[in-house]
PDB file of N, CA and C in Angstrom:
ATOM      1  N   UNK A   1     175.269 138.518 176.997  1.00  0.00           N
ATOM      2  CA  UNK A   1     176.066 137.247 176.195  1.00  0.00           C
ATOM      3  C   UNK A   1     175.513 136.079 176.551  1.00  0.00           C
ATOM      4  N   UNK A   2     175.230 135.289 175.230  1.00  0.00           N
ATOM      5  CA  UNK A   2     174.855 133.887 175.438  1.00  0.00           C
ATOM      6  C   UNK A   2     175.894 132.981 176.285  1.00  0.00           C
ATOM      7  N   UNK A   3     175.184 132.121 177.141  1.00  0.00           N
ATOM      8  CA  UNK A   3     175.897 131.435 177.974  1.00  0.00           C
ATOM      9  C   UNK A   3     175.162 129.931 177.992  1.00  0.00           C
ATOM     10  N   UNK A   4     175.756 128.678 177.657  1.00  0.00           N
ATOM     11  CA  UNK A   4     175.043 127.435 177.555  1.00  0.00           C
ATOM     12  C   UNK A   4     174.362 127.324 178.851  1.00  0.00           C
ATOM     13  N   UNK A   5     173.242 126.642 178.634  1.00  0.00           N
ATOM     14  CA  UNK A   5     172.380 126.382 179.883  1.00  0.00           C
ATOM     15  C   UNK A   5     172.830 125.114 180.574  1.00  0.00           C
ATOM     16  N   UNK A   6     173.169 124.128 179.871  1.00  0.00           N
ATOM     17  CA  UNK A   6     173.815 122.895 180.742  1.00  0.00           C
ATOM     18  C   UNK A   6     175.111 122.618 179.625  1.00  0.00           C
ATOM     19  N   UNK A   7     176.081 121.765 180.082  1.00  0.00           N
ATOM     20  CA  UNK A   7     177.169 121.172 179.673  1.00  0.00           C
ATOM     21  C   UNK A   7     176.743 120.305 178.793  1.00  0.00           C
ATOM     22  N   UNK A   8     177.390 120.111 177.336  1.00  0.00           N
ATOM     23  CA  UNK A   8     177.356 119.202 176.621  1.00  0.00           C
ATOM     24  C   UNK A   8     177.719 117.868 176.607  1.00  0.00           C
ATOM     25  N   UNK A   9     177.190 116.982 176.608  1.00  0.00           N
ATOM     26  CA  UNK A   9     177.893 115.455 177.178  1.00  0.00           C
ATOM     27  C   UNK A   9     178.680 114.959 176.409  1.00  0.00           C
ATOM     28  N   UNK A  10     179.613 114.188 176.788  1.00  0.00           N
ATOM     29  CA  UNK A  10     180.406 113.608 175.681  1.00  0.00           C
ATOM     30  C   UNK A  10     179.893 113.022 174.336  1.00  0.00           C
ATOM     31  N   UNK A  11     179.004 112.276 174.618  1.00  0.00           N
ATOM     32  CA  UNK A  11     178.058 111.620 173.579  1.00  0.00           C
ATOM     33  C   UNK A  11     177.844 112.639 172.350  1.00  0.00           C
ATOM     34  N   UNK A  12     177.135 113.679 172.921  1.00  0.00           N
ATOM     35  CA  UNK A  12     176.513 114.901 172.217  1.00  0.00           C
ATOM     36  C   UNK A  12     178.078 115.637 171.457  1.00  0.00           C
ATOM     37  N   UNK A  13     178.782 115.867 172.176  1.00  0.00           N
ATOM     38  CA  UNK A  13     179.749 116.415 171.541  1.00  0.00           C
ATOM     39  C   UNK A  13     180.492 115.508 170.406  1.00  0.00           C
ATOM     40  N   UNK A  14     180.404 114.082 170.415  1.00  0.00           N
ATOM     41  CA  UNK A  14     181.104 113.136 169.669  1.00  0.00           C
ATOM     42  C   UNK A  14     180.135 113.217 168.459  1.00  0.00           C
ATOM     43  N   UNK A  15     179.067 112.929 168.454  1.00  0.00           N
ATOM     44  CA  UNK A  15     178.033 113.202 167.516  1.00  0.00           C
ATOM     45  C   UNK A  15     178.558 114.261 166.596  1.00  0.00           C
ATOM     46  N   UNK A  16     178.560 115.614 167.243  1.00  0.00           N
ATOM     47  CA  UNK A  16     178.700 117.021 166.407  1.00  0.00           C
ATOM     48  C   UNK A  16     180.001 116.630 165.693  1.00  0.00           C
ATOM     49  N   UNK A  17     181.222 116.198 166.249  1.00  0.00           N
ATOM     50  CA  UNK A  17     182.557 115.860 165.707  1.00  0.00           C
ATOM     51  C   UNK A  17     182.425 114.736 164.736  1.00  0.00           C
ATOM     52  N   UNK A  18     181.478 114.154 164.676  1.00  0.00           N
ATOM     53  CA  UNK A  18     181.562 113.064 163.770  1.00  0.00           C
ATOM     54  C   UNK A  18     181.852 113.210 162.233  1.00  0.00           C
ATOM     55  N   UNK A  19     181.034 114.419 162.226  1.00  0.00           N
ATOM     56  CA  UNK A  19     181.139 114.746 160.549  1.00  0.00           C
ATOM     57  C   UNK A  19     182.253 115.424 160.247  1.00  0.00           C
ATOM     58  N   UNK A  20     183.217 115.655 160.959  1.00  0.00           N
ATOM     59  CA  UNK A  20     184.612 115.976 160.781  1.00  0.00           C
ATOM     60  C   UNK A  20     185.297 114.932 160.223  1.00  0.00           C
ATOM     61  N   UNK A  21     184.744 113.505 160.344  1.00  0.00           N
ATOM     62  CA  UNK A  21     185.745 112.533 160.031  1.00  0.00           C
ATOM     63  C   UNK A  21     184.988 112.004 158.493  1.00  0.00           C
ATOM     64  N   UNK A  22     184.119 112.488 157.945  1.00  0.00           N
ATOM     65  CA  UNK A  22     183.687 112.461 156.651  1.00  0.00           C
ATOM     66  C   UNK A  22     184.677 112.755 155.571  1.00  0.00           C
ATOM     67  N   UNK A  23     184.816 111.856 154.628  1.00  0.00           N
ATOM     68  CA  UNK A  23     185.790 111.858 153.427  1.00  0.00           C
ATOM     69  C   UNK A  23     185.029 112.465 152.325  1.00  0.00           C
ATOM     70  N   UNK A  24     185.864 113.005 151.236  1.00  0.00           N
ATOM     71  CA  UNK A  24     185.699 113.119 149.980  1.00  0.00           C
ATOM     72  C   UNK A  24     184.970 111.948 149.299  1.00  0.00           C
ATOM     73  N   UNK A  25     184.299 111.975 148.554  1.00  0.00           N
ATOM     74  CA  UNK A  25     183.751 110.914 147.873  1.00  0.00           C
ATOM     75  C   UNK A  25     184.978 110.288 146.629  1.00  0.00           C
ATOM     76  N   UNK A  26     184.790 109.005 146.619  1.00  0.00           N
ATOM     77  CA  UNK A  26     185.936 108.407 146.054  1.00  0.00           C
ATOM     78  C   UNK A  26     185.368 107.919 144.529  1.00  0.00           C
ATOM     79  N   UNK A  27     186.394 108.111 143.758  1.00  0.00           N
ATOM     80  CA  UNK A  27     185.987 107.606 142.262  1.00  0.00           C
ATOM     81  C   UNK A  27     186.994 106.490 141.473  1.00  0.00           C
ATOM     82  N   UNK A  28     186.565 105.823 140.856  1.00  0.00           N
ATOM     83  CA  UNK A  28     187.095 104.846 140.332  1.00  0.00           C
ATOM     84  C   UNK A  28     187.254 104.827 138.831  1.00  0.00           C
ATOM     85  N   UNK A  29     188.261 104.307 137.921  1.00  0.00           N
ATOM     86  CA  UNK A  29     188.030 104.469 136.623  1.00  0.00           C
ATOM     87  C   UNK A  29     187.373 103.288 136.036  1.00  0.00           C
ATOM     88  N   UNK A  30     186.326 103.738 135.079  1.00  0.00           N
ATOM     89  CA  UNK A  30     185.726 102.492 134.755  1.00  0.00           C
ATOM     90  C   UNK A  30     186.374 101.667 133.604  1.00  0.00           C
ATOM     91  N   UNK A  31     186.289 100.338 133.793  1.00  0.00           N
ATOM     92  CA  UNK A  31     186.775  99.493 132.577  1.00  0.00           C
ATOM     93  C   UNK A  31     187.053  99.301 131.418  1.00  0.00           C
ATOM     94  N   UNK A  32     185.803  99.692 131.208  1.00  0.00           N
ATOM     95  CA  UNK A  32     185.297  99.862 129.578  1.00  0.00           C
ATOM     96  C   UNK A  32     185.731 101.277 129.282  1.00  0.00           C
ATOM     97  N   UNK A  33     185.048 102.089 129.670  1.00  0.00           N
ATOM     98  CA  UNK A  33     185.046 103.551 129.129  1.00  0.00           C
ATOM     99  C   UNK A  33     186.250 104.541 129.559  1.00  0.00           C
ATOM    100  N   UNK A  34     186.862 104.033 130.490  1.00  0.00           N
ATOM    101  CA  UNK A  34     187.766 104.924 131.165  1.00  0.00           C
ATOM    102  C   UNK A  34     187.530 106.037 131.888  1.00  0.00           C
ATOM    103  N   UNK A  35     186.175 106.286 132.042  1.00  0.00           N
ATOM    104  CA  UNK A  35     185.624 107.642 132.550  1.00  0.00           C
ATOM    105  C   UNK A  35     185.645 107.021 134.558  1.00  0.00           C
ATOM    106  N   UNK A  36     185.740 108.424 134.838  1.00  0.00           N
ATOM    107  CA  UNK A  36     185.854 108.278 136.399  1.00  0.00           C
ATOM    108  C   UNK A  36     184.414 108.038 136.946  1.00  0.00           C
ATOM    109  N   UNK A  37     183.906 107.351 138.050  1.00  0.00           N
ATOM    110  CA  UNK A  37     182.425 106.834 138.023  1.00  0.00           C
ATOM    111  C   UNK A  37     182.309 106.730 139.867  1.00  0.00           C
ATOM    112  N   UNK A  38     181.915 106.545 140.285  1.00  0.00           N
ATOM    113  CA  UNK A  38     181.465 106.108 141.790  1.00  0.00           C
ATOM    114  C   UNK A  38     181.398 104.933 142.036  1.00  0.00           C
ATOM    115  N   UNK A  39     181.943 103.915 142.993  1.00  0.00           N
ATOM    116  CA  UNK A  39     181.919 102.815 142.988  1.00  0.00           C
ATOM    117  C   UNK A  39     180.609 102.314 143.332  1.00  0.00           C
ATOM    118  N   UNK A  40     179.995 101.063 142.744  1.00  0.00           N
ATOM    119  CA  UNK A  40     178.989 100.687 143.127  1.00  0.00           C
ATOM    120  C   UNK A  40     177.779 101.471 142.342  1.00  0.00           C
ATOM    121  N   UNK A  41     178.086 102.583 141.784  1.00  0.00           N
ATOM    122  CA  UNK A  41     176.851 103.325 140.802  1.00  0.00           C
ATOM    123  C   UNK A  41     176.964 102.952 139.601  1.00  0.00           C
ATOM    124  N   UNK A  42     175.969 103.623 138.781  1.00  0.00           N
ATOM    125  CA  UNK A  42     175.814 103.211 137.396  1.00  0.00           C
ATOM    126  C   UNK A  42     176.529 104.434 136.640  1.00  0.00           C
ATOM    127  N   UNK A  43     177.249 104.100 135.444  1.00  0.00           N
ATOM    128  CA  UNK A  43     177.915 104.825 134.817  1.00  0.00           C
ATOM    129  C   UNK A  43     177.162 105.402 134.030  1.00  0.00           C
ATOM    130  N   UNK A  44     176.629 106.967 134.282  1.00  0.00           N
ATOM    131  CA  UNK A  44     175.895 107.921 133.445  1.00  0.00           C
ATOM    132  C   UNK A  44     176.183 108.041 131.968  1.00  0.00           C
ATOM    133  N   UNK A  45     177.259 107.856 131.526  1.00  0.00           N
ATOM    134  CA  UNK A  45     177.861 108.283 130.287  1.00  0.00           C
ATOM    135  C   UNK A  45     177.273 106.990 129.274  1.00  0.00           C
ATOM    136  N   UNK A  46     177.535 105.687 129.744  1.00  0.00           N
ATOM    137  CA  UNK A  46     177.203 104.589 129.029  1.00  0.00           C
ATOM    138  C   UNK A  46     175.928 103.699 129.624  1.00  0.00           C
ATOM    139  N   UNK A  47     175.537 103.954 130.873  1.00  0.00           N
ATOM    140  CA  UNK A  47     174.199 103.200 131.085  1.00  0.00           C
ATOM    141  C   UNK A  47     174.684 101.973 131.733  1.00  0.00           C
ATOM    142  N   UNK A  48     175.879 101.603 131.883  1.00  0.00           N
ATOM    143  CA  UNK A  48     176.300 100.389 132.041  1.00  0.00           C
ATOM    144  C   UNK A  48     176.382 100.330 133.797  1.00  0.00           C
ATOM    145  N   UNK A  49     176.483  98.959 134.170  1.00  0.00           N
ATOM    146  CA  UNK A  49     176.256  98.680 135.807  1.00  0.00           C
ATOM    147  C   UNK A  49     176.686  97.201 135.738  1.00  0.00           C
ATOM    148  N   UNK A  50     178.014  96.972 136.391  1.00  0.00           N
ATOM    149  CA  UNK A  50     178.574  95.449 136.396  1.00  0.00           C
ATOM    150  C   UNK A  50     178.219  94.740 135.139  1.00  0.00           C
ATOM    151  N   UNK A  51     178.652  95.277 134.096  1.00  0.00           N
ATOM    152  CA  UNK A  51     178.466  94.468 132.547  1.00  0.00           C
ATOM    153  C   UNK A  51     177.413  94.202 132.145  1.00  0.00           C
ATOM    154  N   UNK A  52     176.218  95.185 132.754  1.00  0.00           N
ATOM    155  CA  UNK A  52     174.741  95.160 132.029  1.00  0.00           C
ATOM    156  C   UNK A  52     174.334  96.320 131.818  1.00  0.00           C
ATOM    157  N   UNK A  53     173.731  96.866 130.656  1.00  0.00           N
ATOM    158  CA  UNK A  53     172.996  97.889 130.200  1.00  0.00           C
ATOM    159  C   UNK A  53     171.757  98.078 131.128  1.00  0.00           C
ATOM    160  N   UNK A  54     171.780  99.319 132.172  1.00  0.00           N
ATOM    161  CA  UNK A  54     170.518  99.227 133.180  1.00  0.00           C
ATOM    162  C   UNK A  54     169.557 100.561 132.302  1.00  0.00           C
ATOM    163  N   UNK A  55     170.456 101.320 131.874  1.00  0.00           N
ATOM    164  CA  UNK A  55     170.011 102.759 131.401  1.00  0.00           C
ATOM    165  C   UNK A  55     170.189 102.817 130.214  1.00  0.00           C
ATOM    166  N   UNK A  56     168.821 103.674 129.753  1.00  0.00           N
ATOM    167  CA  UNK A  56     168.849 103.883 127.978  1.00  0.00           C
ATOM    168  C   UNK A  56     169.792 105.267 127.827  1.00  0.00           C
ATOM    169  N   UNK A  57     170.622 105.490 127.009  1.00  0.00           N
ATOM    170  CA  UNK A  57     171.702 106.329 126.790  1.00  0.00           C
ATOM    171  C   UNK A  57     170.719 107.514 125.853  1.00  0.00           C
ATOM    172  N   UNK A  58     170.814 108.713 126.228  1.00  0.00           N
ATOM    173  CA  UNK A  58     170.259 109.651 125.530  1.00  0.00           C
ATOM    174  C   UNK A  58     171.606 110.110 124.433  1.00  0.00           C
ATOM    175  N   UNK A  59     171.314 110.174 123.009  1.00  0.00           N
ATOM    176  CA  UNK A  59     172.109 110.748 121.962  1.00  0.00           C
ATOM    177  C   UNK A  59     172.339 112.296 122.352  1.00  0.00           C
ATOM    178  N   UNK A  60     173.855 112.889 122.136  1.00  0.00           N
ATOM    179  CA  UNK A  60     173.819 113.963 122.116  1.00  0.00           C
ATOM    180  C   UNK A  60     173.675 114.654 120.890  1.00  0.00           C
ATOM    181  N   UNK A  61     173.130 115.792 120.867  1.00  0.00           N
ATOM    182  CA  UNK A  61     172.761 116.352 119.627  1.00  0.00           C
ATOM    183  C   UNK A  61     173.646 117.323 119.241  1.00  0.00           C
TER     184      UNK A  61
END
């Protein structure tokens, strides 16, 4: 049977458990298009970020 060689310290145990506190990514509704997007990220459908065009949008065929 597998037995741990040493006791896991409180710090290492806390590092492992810190992943339990991670939350699901949040989304906000874009003011212009109404699409959901991540906060502080470029809107991939329109290519806009903070009111400026930063990406060229490809046309859908």
